[in-house]
């Protein structure tokens, strides 16, 4: 079924897991099954479906699965990695 005005669907696996009563479990089998159900429904309705992948390998896998747009990485991980790298460059005496 297609809903007028919905041009794309972006899945937040952490948000989805929380709304399913599985807070902090975005890789729980029920969540993964729900994600696949959403992808199938999007394909059937002709609506592109996307999500966030953890890294390049995961992104490639998601593209092979049929997701039409894939973000890579999490903002908090990028921020903490950048901060860690910057701090490691500080000269300690």
Protein backbone atom coordinates (compact mmCIF):
# COMPACT_ATOMS: atom_id res chain seq x y z
CA UNK A 1 0.00 0.00 0.00
CA UNK A 2 1.39 3.40 -0.95
CA UNK A 3 0.82 6.44 1.27
CA UNK A 4 0.45 9.76 -0.57
CA UNK A 5 3.32 12.13 0.26
CA UNK A 6 5.80 9.46 1.40
CA UNK A 7 8.73 9.75 -1.00
CA UNK A 8 11.30 7.69 0.91
CA UNK A 9 11.74 5.74 4.14
CA UNK A 10 14.82 6.04 6.33
CA UNK A 11 15.14 3.36 9.01
CA UNK A 12 16.80 4.17 12.30
CA UNK A 13 17.63 0.72 13.67
CA UNK A 14 18.23 2.03 17.20
CA UNK A 15 14.95 3.94 17.20
CA UNK A 16 13.12 0.97 15.72
CA UNK A 17 14.54 -1.41 18.32
CA UNK A 18 13.51 0.95 21.12
CA UNK A 19 9.97 1.27 19.76
CA UNK A 20 9.78 -2.53 19.62
CA UNK A 21 10.69 -2.80 23.32
CA UNK A 22 14.25 -3.88 22.50
CA UNK A 23 16.15 -0.77 23.58
CA UNK A 24 19.81 -0.96 22.58
CA UNK A 25 19.35 -4.13 20.53
CA UNK A 26 19.33 -2.97 16.88
CA UNK A 27 20.66 -6.37 15.74
CA UNK A 28 18.00 -8.40 17.55
CA UNK A 29 16.43 -10.91 15.11
CA UNK A 30 12.98 -9.31 15.48
CA UNK A 31 14.44 -5.90 14.57
CA UNK A 32 16.36 -7.31 11.61
CA UNK A 33 13.20 -9.05 10.40
CA UNK A 34 11.24 -5.80 10.72
CA UNK A 35 13.90 -3.98 8.69
CA UNK A 36 13.61 -6.58 5.93
CA UNK A 37 9.80 -6.27 6.03
CA UNK A 38 10.12 -2.49 5.61
CA UNK A 39 12.51 -2.96 2.68
CA UNK A 40 10.09 -5.38 1.00
CA UNK A 41 7.15 -3.02 1.53
CA UNK A 42 9.15 -0.11 0.11
CA UNK A 43 10.10 -2.09 -2.98
CA UNK A 44 6.49 -3.15 -3.48
CA UNK A 45 5.30 0.45 -3.18
CA UNK A 46 8.12 1.87 -5.31
CA UNK A 47 9.44 3.89 -2.37
CA UNK A 48 13.22 3.96 -1.77
CA UNK A 49 14.34 2.63 1.61
CA UNK A 50 17.59 3.55 3.36
CA UNK A 51 19.38 3.18 6.65
CA UNK A 52 22.73 3.72 8.34
CA UNK A 53 25.52 1.15 7.99
CA UNK A 54 28.26 0.76 10.57
CA UNK A 55 31.15 0.73 8.08
CA UNK A 56 31.97 0.34 4.38
CA UNK A 57 31.58 -3.45 4.40
CA UNK A 58 28.18 -3.16 6.07
CA UNK A 59 27.20 -0.45 3.56
CA UNK A 60 28.10 -2.72 0.65
CA UNK A 61 26.05 -5.52 2.19
CA UNK A 62 23.04 -3.23 2.63
CA UNK A 63 23.31 -2.11 -1.00
CA UNK A 64 23.43 -5.78 -2.10
CA UNK A 65 20.29 -6.38 0.00
CA UNK A 66 18.54 -3.70 -2.03
CA UNK A 67 18.63 -0.57 0.11
CA UNK A 68 18.65 2.45 -2.19
CA UNK A 69 20.50 4.90 0.05
CA UNK A 70 22.91 4.12 2.87
CA UNK A 71 24.54 6.42 5.38
CA UNK A 72 27.85 5.23 6.77
CA UNK A 73 28.81 5.54 10.41
CA UNK A 74 27.32 7.27 13.40
CA UNK A 75 27.88 10.89 14.29
CA UNK A 76 28.90 10.11 17.85
CA UNK A 77 31.48 7.59 16.61
CA UNK A 78 32.92 10.09 14.11
CA UNK A 79 33.12 12.74 16.83
CA UNK A 80 34.77 10.49 19.39
CA UNK A 81 37.25 9.13 16.82
CA UNK A 82 38.20 12.65 15.74
CA UNK A 83 38.66 13.76 19.33
CA UNK A 84 40.74 10.69 20.16
CA UNK A 85 42.98 11.25 17.12
CA UNK A 86 43.41 14.93 17.97
CA UNK A 87 44.28 14.20 21.59
CA UNK A 88 46.87 11.64 20.54
CA UNK A 89 48.72 14.39 18.67
CA UNK A 90 49.14 16.48 21.82
CA UNK A 91 52.73 16.50 23.04
CA UNK A 92 52.93 15.21 26.59
CA UNK A 93 55.87 16.34 28.67
